[in-house]
Amino acid sequence: MIEEKEVQFLKRSKKDHLLFTMKPSTGLLVLWDTVGTERFRTLTRNYFRNAHACLLVFSCDEPDTLTSLSQWVGDADNFADNSLKILIGNKIDLKCSTAQDKVNAFAHHHDCDIVFNVSAKTGEGVNEMFKTVAKKLIQQNNQQLKKQPLFEKDVHQLNSVETKDNCC
């Protein structure tokens, strides 16, 4: 089982791959940016399959971008069952015109696990956000490992095994 210790990012192995370590293990975050473009919506739904986390990003300086995330949250709920939902306000280096109470209400209404404010331009909050996402994914993985049965067959399967009679 992986201990919850400080996450360190080792390197970027590809443009969208972040290699990290959380001793004693090493992991890989693979990021798929769907760009949120409506015209690619049917294609982007494929990216949700088997996703462990969905980073839902809106622009702090454009309140409408938060509202339009509702459609993407619906896709995350439908196609990425049980994934973490992280709400991220970007462009905090600009004048923020999206009220924090609206952000919190959106996060609560859509069951977002974490809310972050970052600046992709200055880098403010970005590393902290990715470290927190990595920690949460490890916690989620550890919880799933605890729930897994020790044996592949359950009791119902064992009872249905045919037995031979020992009589004549």
N, C-alpha and C. Protein backbone atom coordinates (compact mmCIF):
# COMPACT_ATOMS: atom_id res chain seq x y z
N MET A 1 0.84 -1.17 0.00
CA MET A 1 0.00 0.00 0.00
C MET A 1 0.90 1.25 0.00
N ILE A 2 0.45 2.28 -0.68
CA ILE A 2 1.24 3.50 -0.80
C ILE A 2 0.97 4.41 0.39
N GLU A 3 2.00 4.87 1.01
CA GLU A 3 1.89 5.81 2.11
C GLU A 3 1.56 7.19 1.57
N GLU A 4 0.85 7.99 2.35
CA GLU A 4 0.52 9.35 1.93
C GLU A 4 1.61 10.29 2.43
N LYS A 5 2.63 10.47 1.65
CA LYS A 5 3.71 11.40 1.98
C LYS A 5 3.77 12.45 0.91
N GLU A 6 4.69 13.35 1.05
CA GLU A 6 4.81 14.45 0.09
C GLU A 6 5.09 13.94 -1.32
N VAL A 7 4.39 14.53 -2.26
CA VAL A 7 4.56 14.19 -3.67
C VAL A 7 5.67 15.04 -4.25
N GLN A 8 6.54 14.43 -5.04
CA GLN A 8 7.58 15.17 -5.77
C GLN A 8 7.46 14.83 -7.24
N PHE A 9 7.42 15.88 -8.06
CA PHE A 9 7.38 15.64 -9.50
C PHE A 9 8.81 15.49 -10.00
N LEU A 10 9.06 14.40 -10.70
CA LEU A 10 10.41 14.10 -11.16
C LEU A 10 10.70 14.75 -12.50
N LYS A 11 9.81 14.57 -13.45
CA LYS A 11 10.05 15.12 -14.78
C LYS A 11 8.79 15.01 -15.61
N ARG A 12 8.83 15.66 -16.70
CA ARG A 12 7.79 15.52 -17.71
C ARG A 12 8.31 14.57 -18.76
N SER A 13 7.75 13.38 -18.85
CA SER A 13 8.26 12.40 -19.81
C SER A 13 7.76 12.69 -21.22
N LYS A 14 6.61 13.29 -21.32
CA LYS A 14 6.04 13.74 -22.59
C LYS A 14 5.30 15.02 -22.30
N LYS A 15 4.78 15.65 -23.32
CA LYS A 15 4.07 16.91 -23.13
C LYS A 15 2.94 16.78 -22.11
N ASP A 16 2.23 15.67 -22.13
CA ASP A 16 1.07 15.51 -21.27
C ASP A 16 1.24 14.42 -20.21
N HIS A 17 2.47 14.04 -19.89
CA HIS A 17 2.75 13.02 -18.88
C HIS A 17 3.60 13.63 -17.77
N LEU A 18 3.11 13.56 -16.53
CA LEU A 18 3.88 14.03 -15.38
C LEU A 18 4.27 12.82 -14.54
N LEU A 19 5.56 12.58 -14.42
CA LEU A 19 6.07 11.48 -13.60
C LEU A 19 6.26 12.01 -12.19
N PHE A 20 5.70 11.32 -11.20
CA PHE A 20 5.85 11.78 -9.82
C PHE A 20 6.23 10.62 -8.92
N THR A 21 6.75 10.97 -7.76
CA THR A 21 7.06 9.96 -6.76
C THR A 21 6.37 10.34 -5.46
N MET A 22 5.88 9.34 -4.80
CA MET A 22 5.34 9.47 -3.46
C MET A 22 5.88 8.24 -2.75
N LYS A 23 7.01 8.40 -2.13
CA LYS A 23 7.76 7.27 -1.61
C LYS A 23 6.86 6.30 -0.88
N PRO A 24 6.95 5.05 -1.13
CA PRO A 24 8.00 4.34 -1.84
C PRO A 24 7.69 4.10 -3.32
N SER A 25 6.65 4.70 -3.84
CA SER A 25 6.23 4.38 -5.20
C SER A 25 6.39 5.54 -6.16
N THR A 26 6.34 5.22 -7.44
CA THR A 26 6.37 6.22 -8.50
C THR A 26 5.11 6.06 -9.32
N GLY A 27 4.55 7.17 -9.76
CA GLY A 27 3.33 7.12 -10.54
C GLY A 27 3.41 8.03 -11.74
N LEU A 28 2.39 7.98 -12.55
CA LEU A 28 2.35 8.77 -13.77
C LEU A 28 0.97 9.38 -13.91
N LEU A 29 0.93 10.70 -14.03
CA LEU A 29 -0.32 11.39 -14.34
C LEU A 29 -0.33 11.65 -15.83
N VAL A 30 -1.33 11.17 -16.51
CA VAL A 30 -1.46 11.41 -17.95
C VAL A 30 -2.61 12.39 -18.12
N LEU A 31 -2.31 13.52 -18.72
CA LEU A 31 -3.29 14.59 -18.88
C LEU A 31 -3.79 14.65 -20.31
N TRP A 32 -5.10 14.69 -20.46
CA TRP A 32 -5.70 14.82 -21.79
C TRP A 32 -6.52 16.09 -21.78
N ASP A 33 -6.09 17.07 -22.52
CA ASP A 33 -6.78 18.35 -22.59
C ASP A 33 -7.82 18.30 -23.69
N THR A 34 -9.08 18.35 -23.31
CA THR A 34 -10.16 18.31 -24.30
C THR A 34 -10.50 19.70 -24.82
N VAL A 35 -9.89 20.72 -24.30
CA VAL A 35 -10.02 22.12 -24.70
C VAL A 35 -11.43 22.67 -24.48
N GLY A 36 -12.38 21.84 -24.12
CA GLY A 36 -13.72 22.31 -23.86
C GLY A 36 -14.46 22.83 -25.07
N THR A 37 -14.00 22.48 -26.25
CA THR A 37 -14.62 22.96 -27.47
C THR A 37 -15.84 22.11 -27.82
N GLU A 38 -16.96 22.77 -27.99
CA GLU A 38 -18.22 22.09 -28.26
C GLU A 38 -18.18 21.26 -29.54
N ARG A 39 -17.47 21.73 -30.54
CA ARG A 39 -17.48 21.00 -31.82
C ARG A 39 -16.77 19.65 -31.73
N PHE A 40 -15.93 19.45 -30.70
CA PHE A 40 -15.24 18.17 -30.52
C PHE A 40 -15.91 17.31 -29.44
N ARG A 41 -17.08 17.71 -29.01
CA ARG A 41 -17.71 17.08 -27.86
C ARG A 41 -17.90 15.57 -28.00
N THR A 42 -18.31 15.11 -29.17
CA THR A 42 -18.51 13.67 -29.33
C THR A 42 -17.19 12.91 -29.25
N LEU A 43 -16.11 13.54 -29.67
CA LEU A 43 -14.80 12.90 -29.56
C LEU A 43 -14.29 12.90 -28.13
N THR A 44 -14.50 14.02 -27.43
CA THR A 44 -13.93 14.14 -26.09
C THR A 44 -14.58 13.21 -25.08
N ARG A 45 -15.77 12.75 -25.35
CA ARG A 45 -16.41 11.80 -24.42
C ARG A 45 -15.59 10.53 -24.27
N ASN A 46 -14.85 10.16 -25.30
CA ASN A 46 -13.98 8.98 -25.21
C ASN A 46 -12.87 9.17 -24.20
N TYR A 47 -12.44 10.40 -23.99
CA TYR A 47 -11.37 10.66 -23.03
C TYR A 47 -11.81 10.41 -21.59
N PHE A 48 -13.09 10.47 -21.34
CA PHE A 48 -13.59 10.27 -19.98
C PHE A 48 -13.54 8.81 -19.55
N ARG A 49 -13.58 7.89 -20.50
CA ARG A 49 -13.61 6.47 -20.14
C ARG A 49 -12.35 6.09 -19.37
N ASN A 50 -12.57 5.42 -18.24
CA ASN A 50 -11.50 4.96 -17.36
C ASN A 50 -10.66 6.08 -16.77
N ALA A 51 -11.15 7.31 -16.81
CA ALA A 51 -10.43 8.42 -16.17
C ALA A 51 -10.58 8.30 -14.66
N HIS A 52 -9.51 8.58 -13.95
CA HIS A 52 -9.54 8.55 -12.50
C HIS A 52 -9.87 9.91 -11.90
N ALA A 53 -9.63 10.96 -12.68
CA ALA A 53 -9.93 12.32 -12.22
C ALA A 53 -10.29 13.18 -13.42
N CYS A 54 -11.18 14.12 -13.19
CA CYS A 54 -11.56 15.09 -14.22
C CYS A 54 -11.26 16.48 -13.68
N LEU A 55 -10.37 17.18 -14.34
CA LEU A 55 -10.03 18.55 -13.95
C LEU A 55 -10.93 19.47 -14.76
N LEU A 56 -11.87 20.11 -14.09
CA LEU A 56 -12.86 20.97 -14.73
C LEU A 56 -12.40 22.41 -14.57
N VAL A 57 -11.93 23.00 -15.65
CA VAL A 57 -11.28 24.31 -15.59
C VAL A 57 -12.19 25.39 -16.17
N PHE A 58 -12.32 26.48 -15.42
CA PHE A 58 -13.04 27.66 -15.92
C PHE A 58 -12.12 28.87 -15.78
N SER A 59 -12.47 29.92 -16.48
CA SER A 59 -11.68 31.14 -16.47
C SER A 59 -12.28 32.12 -15.45
N CYS A 60 -11.49 32.50 -14.44
CA CYS A 60 -11.98 33.39 -13.39
C CYS A 60 -12.45 34.74 -13.93
N ASP A 61 -11.89 35.17 -15.03
CA ASP A 61 -12.26 36.48 -15.58
C ASP A 61 -13.47 36.42 -16.51
N GLU A 62 -14.01 35.21 -16.72
CA GLU A 62 -15.20 35.05 -17.57
C GLU A 62 -16.21 34.14 -16.85
N PRO A 63 -17.17 34.73 -16.12
CA PRO A 63 -18.12 33.93 -15.34
C PRO A 63 -18.91 32.91 -16.15
N ASP A 64 -19.15 33.18 -17.42
CA ASP A 64 -19.92 32.23 -18.25
C ASP A 64 -19.21 30.89 -18.41
N THR A 65 -17.89 30.89 -18.28
CA THR A 65 -17.16 29.63 -18.45
C THR A 65 -17.46 28.66 -17.30
N LEU A 66 -17.78 29.19 -16.12
CA LEU A 66 -18.18 28.33 -15.01
C LEU A 66 -19.53 27.69 -15.31
N THR A 67 -20.45 28.48 -15.81
CA THR A 67 -21.78 27.97 -16.14
C THR A 67 -21.71 26.89 -17.22
N SER A 68 -20.88 27.10 -18.22
CA SER A 68 -20.80 26.12 -19.32
C SER A 68 -20.15 24.81 -18.89
N LEU A 69 -19.49 24.80 -17.74
CA LEU A 69 -18.89 23.55 -17.24
C LEU A 69 -19.94 22.51 -16.86
N SER A 70 -21.17 22.93 -16.63
CA SER A 70 -22.22 21.98 -16.24
C SER A 70 -22.36 20.84 -17.24
N GLN A 71 -22.25 21.17 -18.52
CA GLN A 71 -22.36 20.13 -19.55
C GLN A 71 -21.21 19.12 -19.43
N TRP A 72 -20.02 19.62 -19.14
CA TRP A 72 -18.86 18.74 -19.02
C TRP A 72 -18.94 17.89 -17.76
N VAL A 73 -19.51 18.46 -16.69
CA VAL A 73 -19.70 17.68 -15.47
C VAL A 73 -20.66 16.53 -15.75
N GLY A 74 -21.68 16.80 -16.56
CA GLY A 74 -22.61 15.73 -16.95
C GLY A 74 -21.89 14.60 -17.68
N ASP A 75 -20.99 14.97 -18.59
CA ASP A 75 -20.21 13.94 -19.29
C ASP A 75 -19.30 13.18 -18.32
N ALA A 76 -18.70 13.90 -17.39
CA ALA A 76 -17.85 13.24 -16.39
C ALA A 76 -18.66 12.25 -15.57
N ASP A 77 -19.86 12.66 -15.17
CA ASP A 77 -20.72 11.76 -14.39
C ASP A 77 -21.15 10.53 -15.19
N ASN A 78 -21.42 10.73 -16.47
CA ASN A 78 -21.90 9.63 -17.32
C ASN A 78 -20.80 8.69 -17.80
N PHE A 79 -19.64 9.24 -18.08
CA PHE A 79 -18.60 8.44 -18.74
C PHE A 79 -17.38 8.15 -17.85
N ALA A 80 -17.24 8.84 -16.74
CA ALA A 80 -16.10 8.62 -15.84
C ALA A 80 -16.63 8.37 -14.44
N ASP A 81 -17.39 7.31 -14.33
CA ASP A 81 -18.03 6.96 -13.07
C ASP A 81 -16.99 6.83 -11.95
N ASN A 82 -17.29 7.39 -10.80
CA ASN A 82 -16.45 7.33 -9.60
C ASN A 82 -15.12 8.05 -9.74
N SER A 83 -14.98 8.91 -10.72
CA SER A 83 -13.72 9.66 -10.83
C SER A 83 -13.78 10.88 -9.92
N LEU A 84 -12.61 11.35 -9.52
CA LEU A 84 -12.53 12.60 -8.76
C LEU A 84 -12.91 13.75 -9.68
N LYS A 85 -13.64 14.71 -9.15
CA LYS A 85 -13.95 15.92 -9.91
C LYS A 85 -13.28 17.09 -9.21
N ILE A 86 -12.38 17.74 -9.91
CA ILE A 86 -11.64 18.87 -9.36
C ILE A 86 -12.02 20.11 -10.15
N LEU A 87 -12.55 21.10 -9.45
CA LEU A 87 -12.95 22.36 -10.07
C LEU A 87 -11.78 23.34 -9.95
N ILE A 88 -11.37 23.89 -11.09
CA ILE A 88 -10.18 24.75 -11.11
C ILE A 88 -10.53 26.09 -11.75
N GLY A 89 -10.33 27.15 -10.97
CA GLY A 89 -10.47 28.50 -11.50
C GLY A 89 -9.11 28.95 -12.00
N ASN A 90 -9.00 29.23 -13.28
CA ASN A 90 -7.73 29.64 -13.90
C ASN A 90 -7.72 31.16 -14.10
N LYS A 91 -6.55 31.69 -14.35
CA LYS A 91 -6.32 33.11 -14.62
C LYS A 91 -6.53 33.99 -13.39
N ILE A 92 -6.06 33.52 -12.23
CA ILE A 92 -6.18 34.34 -11.03
C ILE A 92 -5.23 35.52 -11.05
N ASP A 93 -4.33 35.54 -12.04
CA ASP A 93 -3.45 36.69 -12.21
C ASP A 93 -4.20 37.89 -12.80
N LEU A 94 -5.41 37.65 -13.32
CA LEU A 94 -6.25 38.72 -13.87
C LEU A 94 -7.32 39.09 -12.85
N LYS A 95 -8.05 40.14 -13.13
CA LYS A 95 -9.15 40.54 -12.25
C LYS A 95 -10.24 39.48 -12.31
N CYS A 96 -10.51 38.88 -11.17
CA CYS A 96 -11.48 37.78 -11.11
C CYS A 96 -12.89 38.35 -11.01
N SER A 97 -13.72 38.02 -11.97
CA SER A 97 -15.10 38.52 -11.96
C SER A 97 -16.11 37.40 -11.66
N THR A 98 -15.61 36.24 -11.28
CA THR A 98 -16.48 35.13 -10.87
C THR A 98 -16.48 35.09 -9.34
N ALA A 99 -17.65 35.30 -8.74
CA ALA A 99 -17.75 35.35 -7.28
C ALA A 99 -17.43 33.98 -6.68
N GLN A 100 -16.64 34.00 -5.59
CA GLN A 100 -16.23 32.75 -4.95
C GLN A 100 -17.42 31.97 -4.42
N ASP A 101 -18.47 32.66 -3.97
CA ASP A 101 -19.64 31.93 -3.47
C ASP A 101 -20.34 31.17 -4.60
N LYS A 102 -20.29 31.69 -5.83
CA LYS A 102 -20.85 30.96 -6.98
C LYS A 102 -19.99 29.74 -7.30
N VAL A 103 -18.69 29.90 -7.18
CA VAL A 103 -17.77 28.78 -7.41
C VAL A 103 -18.04 27.67 -6.39
N ASN A 104 -18.14 28.06 -5.12
CA ASN A 104 -18.40 27.07 -4.06
C ASN A 104 -19.76 26.40 -4.24
N ALA A 105 -20.77 27.17 -4.64
CA ALA A 105 -22.10 26.60 -4.87
C ALA A 105 -22.07 25.61 -6.04
N PHE A 106 -21.35 25.95 -7.10
CA PHE A 106 -21.21 25.06 -8.25
C PHE A 106 -20.52 23.76 -7.82
N ALA A 107 -19.44 23.90 -7.07
CA ALA A 107 -18.69 22.73 -6.61
C ALA A 107 -19.56 21.83 -5.74
N HIS A 108 -20.34 22.43 -4.85
CA HIS A 108 -21.21 21.66 -3.97
C HIS A 108 -22.31 20.97 -4.78
N HIS A 109 -22.93 21.70 -5.68
CA HIS A 109 -24.04 21.16 -6.49
C HIS A 109 -23.59 19.99 -7.37
N HIS A 110 -22.37 20.06 -7.87
CA HIS A 110 -21.87 19.03 -8.80
C HIS A 110 -20.94 18.02 -8.12
N ASP A 111 -20.91 18.01 -6.80
CA ASP A 111 -20.11 17.04 -6.04
C ASP A 111 -18.63 17.06 -6.42
N CYS A 112 -18.08 18.24 -6.59
CA CYS A 112 -16.64 18.34 -6.87
C CYS A 112 -15.88 18.04 -5.58
N ASP A 113 -14.82 17.26 -5.69
CA ASP A 113 -14.05 16.85 -4.52
C ASP A 113 -13.13 17.95 -4.00
N ILE A 114 -12.60 18.75 -4.90
CA ILE A 114 -11.63 19.79 -4.53
C ILE A 114 -11.88 21.01 -5.41
N VAL A 115 -11.58 22.19 -4.87
CA VAL A 115 -11.64 23.43 -5.64
C VAL A 115 -10.29 24.11 -5.53
N PHE A 116 -9.76 24.54 -6.66
CA PHE A 116 -8.47 25.24 -6.71
C PHE A 116 -8.59 26.51 -7.52
N ASN A 117 -7.75 27.47 -7.19
CA ASN A 117 -7.57 28.67 -8.01
C ASN A 117 -6.11 28.72 -8.41
N VAL A 118 -5.86 28.82 -9.71
CA VAL A 118 -4.49 28.78 -10.23
C VAL A 118 -4.29 29.84 -11.30
N SER A 119 -3.04 30.00 -11.67
CA SER A 119 -2.69 30.81 -12.83
C SER A 119 -1.75 30.00 -13.71
N ALA A 120 -2.24 29.62 -14.88
CA ALA A 120 -1.38 28.89 -15.81
C ALA A 120 -0.25 29.80 -16.30
N LYS A 121 -0.50 31.10 -16.33
CA LYS A 121 0.49 32.05 -16.82
C LYS A 121 1.66 32.20 -15.85
N THR A 122 1.36 32.42 -14.56
CA THR A 122 2.43 32.63 -13.58
C THR A 122 2.84 31.34 -12.88
N GLY A 123 2.01 30.30 -12.97
CA GLY A 123 2.29 29.03 -12.30
C GLY A 123 1.78 28.97 -10.88
N GLU A 124 1.19 30.06 -10.40
CA GLU A 124 0.71 30.10 -9.02
C GLU A 124 -0.35 29.02 -8.78
N GLY A 125 -0.11 28.18 -7.77
CA GLY A 125 -1.06 27.15 -7.38
C GLY A 125 -1.06 25.90 -8.22
N VAL A 126 -0.33 25.89 -9.33
CA VAL A 126 -0.39 24.74 -10.26
C VAL A 126 0.25 23.50 -9.64
N ASN A 127 1.47 23.62 -9.12
CA ASN A 127 2.13 22.45 -8.51
C ASN A 127 1.34 21.92 -7.33
N GLU A 128 0.85 22.83 -6.49
CA GLU A 128 0.06 22.41 -5.33
C GLU A 128 -1.18 21.63 -5.78
N MET A 129 -1.81 22.11 -6.84
CA MET A 129 -3.01 21.44 -7.36
C MET A 129 -2.67 20.03 -7.83
N PHE A 130 -1.61 19.88 -8.63
CA PHE A 130 -1.25 18.55 -9.12
C PHE A 130 -0.81 17.63 -7.99
N LYS A 131 -0.11 18.16 -7.00
CA LYS A 131 0.29 17.33 -5.85
C LYS A 131 -0.94 16.84 -5.09
N THR A 132 -1.90 17.71 -4.91
CA THR A 132 -3.12 17.33 -4.20
C THR A 132 -3.91 16.29 -4.99
N VAL A 133 -3.98 16.46 -6.29
CA VAL A 133 -4.67 15.48 -7.14
C VAL A 133 -3.98 14.12 -7.03
N ALA A 134 -2.64 14.11 -7.08
CA ALA A 134 -1.90 12.85 -6.96
C ALA A 134 -2.16 12.19 -5.61
N LYS A 135 -2.15 12.97 -4.53
CA LYS A 135 -2.43 12.41 -3.20
C LYS A 135 -3.84 11.83 -3.14
N LYS A 136 -4.81 12.55 -3.66
CA LYS A 136 -6.19 12.08 -3.64
C LYS A 136 -6.35 10.79 -4.44
N LEU A 137 -5.68 10.71 -5.59
CA LEU A 137 -5.76 9.49 -6.40
C LEU A 137 -5.15 8.31 -5.67
N ILE A 138 -4.06 8.54 -4.96
CA ILE A 138 -3.43 7.46 -4.18
C ILE A 138 -4.35 7.04 -3.04
N GLN A 139 -4.98 8.01 -2.37
CA GLN A 139 -5.94 7.68 -1.31
C GLN A 139 -7.08 6.84 -1.87
N GLN A 140 -7.60 7.26 -3.01
CA GLN A 140 -8.70 6.55 -3.65
C GLN A 140 -8.27 5.13 -4.03
N ASN A 141 -7.07 4.99 -4.56
CA ASN A 141 -6.55 3.68 -4.94
C ASN A 141 -6.39 2.79 -3.71
N ASN A 142 -5.88 3.35 -2.62
CA ASN A 142 -5.71 2.57 -1.39
C ASN A 142 -7.05 2.10 -0.85
N GLN A 143 -8.08 2.94 -0.93
CA GLN A 143 -9.41 2.54 -0.46
C GLN A 143 -9.97 1.42 -1.31
N GLN A 144 -9.75 1.48 -2.62
CA GLN A 144 -10.24 0.42 -3.50
C GLN A 144 -9.50 -0.88 -3.24
N LEU A 145 -8.20 -0.81 -2.94
CA LEU A 145 -7.45 -2.02 -2.64
C LEU A 145 -7.97 -2.69 -1.38
N LYS A 146 -8.37 -1.90 -0.39
CA LYS A 146 -8.90 -2.46 0.85
C LYS A 146 -10.22 -3.18 0.62
N LYS A 147 -10.99 -2.72 -0.37
CA LYS A 147 -12.30 -3.31 -0.64
C LYS A 147 -12.23 -4.57 -1.48
N GLN A 148 -11.10 -4.81 -2.15
CA GLN A 148 -11.00 -5.97 -3.02
C GLN A 148 -10.98 -7.26 -2.20
N PRO A 149 -11.67 -8.28 -2.68
CA PRO A 149 -11.66 -9.55 -1.95
C PRO A 149 -10.29 -10.21 -2.05
N LEU A 150 -9.99 -11.01 -1.06
CA LEU A 150 -8.72 -11.72 -1.06
C LEU A 150 -8.70 -12.83 -2.08
N PHE A 151 -9.86 -13.37 -2.38
CA PHE A 151 -9.95 -14.46 -3.34
C PHE A 151 -10.83 -14.03 -4.50
N GLU A 152 -10.59 -14.61 -5.65
CA GLU A 152 -11.34 -14.26 -6.85
C GLU A 152 -12.79 -14.73 -6.80
N LYS A 153 -13.02 -15.89 -6.20
CA LYS A 153 -14.38 -16.45 -6.15
C LYS A 153 -15.06 -15.99 -4.88
N ASP A 154 -16.33 -15.63 -5.01
CA ASP A 154 -17.07 -15.28 -3.81
C ASP A 154 -17.79 -16.52 -3.28
N VAL A 155 -18.47 -16.37 -2.17
CA VAL A 155 -19.10 -17.50 -1.51
C VAL A 155 -20.14 -18.16 -2.41
N HIS A 156 -20.89 -17.38 -3.14
CA HIS A 156 -21.91 -17.93 -4.05
C HIS A 156 -21.27 -18.85 -5.08
N GLN A 157 -20.16 -18.46 -5.63
CA GLN A 157 -19.48 -19.29 -6.62
C GLN A 157 -18.95 -20.57 -6.00
N LEU A 158 -18.47 -20.48 -4.78
CA LEU A 158 -17.94 -21.67 -4.11
C LEU A 158 -19.05 -22.68 -3.82
N ASN A 159 -20.23 -22.20 -3.46
CA ASN A 159 -21.35 -23.09 -3.15
C ASN A 159 -21.89 -23.78 -4.39
N SER A 160 -21.67 -23.21 -5.55
CA SER A 160 -22.22 -23.81 -6.76
C SER A 160 -21.29 -24.86 -7.38
N VAL A 161 -20.15 -25.10 -6.76
CA VAL A 161 -19.23 -26.12 -7.28
C VAL A 161 -19.86 -27.49 -7.06
N GLU A 162 -19.86 -28.30 -8.10
CA GLU A 162 -20.46 -29.63 -8.01
C GLU A 162 -19.62 -30.53 -7.12
N THR A 163 -20.32 -31.30 -6.30
CA THR A 163 -19.63 -32.28 -5.46
C THR A 163 -20.11 -33.67 -5.84
N LYS A 164 -19.23 -34.65 -5.73
CA LYS A 164 -19.58 -36.03 -6.06
C LYS A 164 -20.04 -36.74 -4.80
N ASP A 165 -21.05 -37.57 -4.99
CA ASP A 165 -21.52 -38.38 -3.87
C ASP A 165 -20.57 -39.55 -3.67
N ASN A 166 -20.41 -39.94 -2.43
CA ASN A 166 -19.53 -41.06 -2.12
C ASN A 166 -20.29 -42.38 -1.99
N CYS A 167 -21.54 -42.37 -2.36
CA CYS A 167 -22.27 -43.63 -2.22
C CYS A 167 -22.22 -44.45 -3.49
N CYS A 168 -22.66 -45.65 -3.41
CA CYS A 168 -22.60 -46.65 -4.47
C CYS A 168 -23.21 -46.14 -5.68
